[in-house]
Protein backbone atom coordinates (compact mmCIF):
# COMPACT_ATOMS: atom_id res chain seq x y z
CA MET A 1 -14.56 7.66 -11.92
CA ALA A 2 -14.34 10.12 -9.11
CA ALA A 3 -10.75 11.48 -8.01
CA THR A 4 -12.22 10.33 -4.78
CA THR A 5 -12.57 6.40 -5.44
CA PHE A 6 -8.98 6.13 -4.83
CA GLU A 7 -8.67 7.41 -1.63
CA ARG A 8 -12.14 5.55 -0.43
CA ALA A 9 -10.48 2.36 -1.98
CA LEU A 10 -7.20 3.26 0.00
CA SER A 11 -8.74 4.01 3.23
CA LEU A 12 -10.13 0.33 2.77
CA VAL A 13 -7.06 -1.37 2.53
CA LEU A 14 -5.52 0.10 5.08
CA ILE A 15 -7.74 -1.09 7.75
CA HIS A 16 -6.60 -4.32 7.11
CA GLU A 17 -3.04 -3.83 6.47
CA GLY A 18 -2.63 -2.88 10.33
CA GLY A 19 -0.01 -0.48 11.77
CA TRP A 20 3.90 -1.33 12.69
CA SER A 21 4.63 -4.56 12.86
CA ASP A 22 8.48 -6.46 13.26
CA ASP A 23 7.34 -9.99 14.10
CA PRO A 24 10.66 -11.56 13.41
CA ALA A 25 8.59 -14.80 12.18
CA ASP A 26 7.79 -12.40 9.37
CA PRO A 27 9.90 -12.98 6.10
CA GLY A 28 8.68 -9.00 5.04
CA GLY A 29 10.78 -7.76 8.40
CA ALA A 30 9.43 -4.76 9.48
CA THR A 31 6.04 -3.41 7.97
CA ASN A 32 3.93 -0.50 8.75
CA LEU A 33 0.27 -0.03 6.94
CA GLY A 34 1.52 -2.85 4.46
CA VAL A 35 4.46 -1.28 3.38
CA THR A 36 7.45 -3.80 4.31
CA ILE A 37 10.96 -2.14 4.60
CA GLY A 38 11.93 -3.96 1.55
CA THR A 39 9.32 -2.02 -0.34
CA LEU A 40 9.42 0.77 0.70
CA SER A 41 13.59 0.31 0.23
CA LEU A 42 12.60 -0.11 -3.70
CA TRP A 43 10.05 3.39 -3.31
CA LEU A 44 12.68 5.24 -1.77
CA GLY A 45 15.76 3.76 -4.27
CA ARG A 46 17.81 2.62 -1.08
CA PRO A 47 17.58 1.35 2.13
CA ALA A 48 15.05 2.30 4.27
CA THR A 49 15.35 2.02 7.77
CA ARG A 50 13.13 0.74 10.32
CA ALA A 51 12.16 3.79 11.64
CA GLU A 52 11.02 5.01 8.22
CA VAL A 53 8.68 1.73 8.15
CA ARG A 54 7.61 2.90 11.76
CA ALA A 55 6.99 6.15 10.91
CA LEU A 56 4.79 5.97 7.71
CA THR A 57 1.17 7.74 7.28
CA PRO A 58 -2.04 7.30 5.73
CA ALA A 59 -1.15 10.60 3.49
CA SER A 60 2.82 9.61 3.22
CA VAL A 61 1.87 5.75 1.33
CA ALA A 62 -0.61 7.01 -0.48
CA PRO A 63 1.61 7.80 -3.54
CA LEU A 64 3.31 4.90 -3.22
CA TYR A 65 -0.14 2.87 -3.20
CA ARG A 66 -1.42 5.17 -6.22
CA ARG A 67 1.42 4.25 -8.37
CA ARG A 68 2.38 0.44 -7.36
CA PHE A 69 -0.82 -1.34 -7.64
CA TRP A 70 -3.98 1.42 -8.20
CA ASP A 71 -2.11 2.71 -11.68
CA ALA A 72 -0.84 -0.97 -12.48
CA ILE A 73 -4.62 -2.33 -12.40
CA GLN A 74 -5.68 1.05 -13.60
CA GLY A 75 -8.06 1.84 -11.16
CA ASP A 76 -9.32 4.83 -12.24
CA ALA A 77 -10.89 2.93 -15.47
CA LEU A 78 -12.83 0.24 -13.47
CA PRO A 79 -16.01 0.43 -11.97
CA ALA A 80 -17.00 1.51 -8.64
CA GLY A 81 -16.47 -1.97 -6.27
CA LEU A 82 -14.62 -3.84 -8.60
CA ASP A 83 -12.10 -0.58 -8.89
CA TYR A 84 -11.32 -1.86 -4.69
CA ALA A 85 -11.80 -5.23 -5.53
CA LEU A 86 -9.06 -5.27 -7.84
CA PHE A 87 -6.94 -2.77 -5.91
CA ASP A 88 -7.27 -5.23 -2.55
CA PHE A 89 -6.02 -7.98 -4.68
CA ALA A 90 -3.20 -5.94 -6.48
CA VAL A 91 -1.98 -4.85 -2.84
CA ASN A 92 -2.48 -8.59 -2.01
CA SER A 93 -1.12 -10.66 -4.13
CA GLY A 94 1.05 -8.22 -6.94
CA PRO A 95 -0.70 -6.28 -9.46
């Protein structure tokens, strides 16, 4: 697959993941671009702050999405279309 396949799939996933949210009823807590404070903490190797979650950008979350989800499903080896579908599923349900 072309190097841009991940970037295209990520842009589609981020449309559905939305932006900043800190709903007290959401068990994931502070979330931005689909990345919860817990996921960011794991990624950073230390407790993340709400401000760090709020400051996330598509460029800053791309490496996390690539390693945690795209690489886990071997997205570069999948046919176009299937790569995006499995990537989206991995983001929402786990790789």
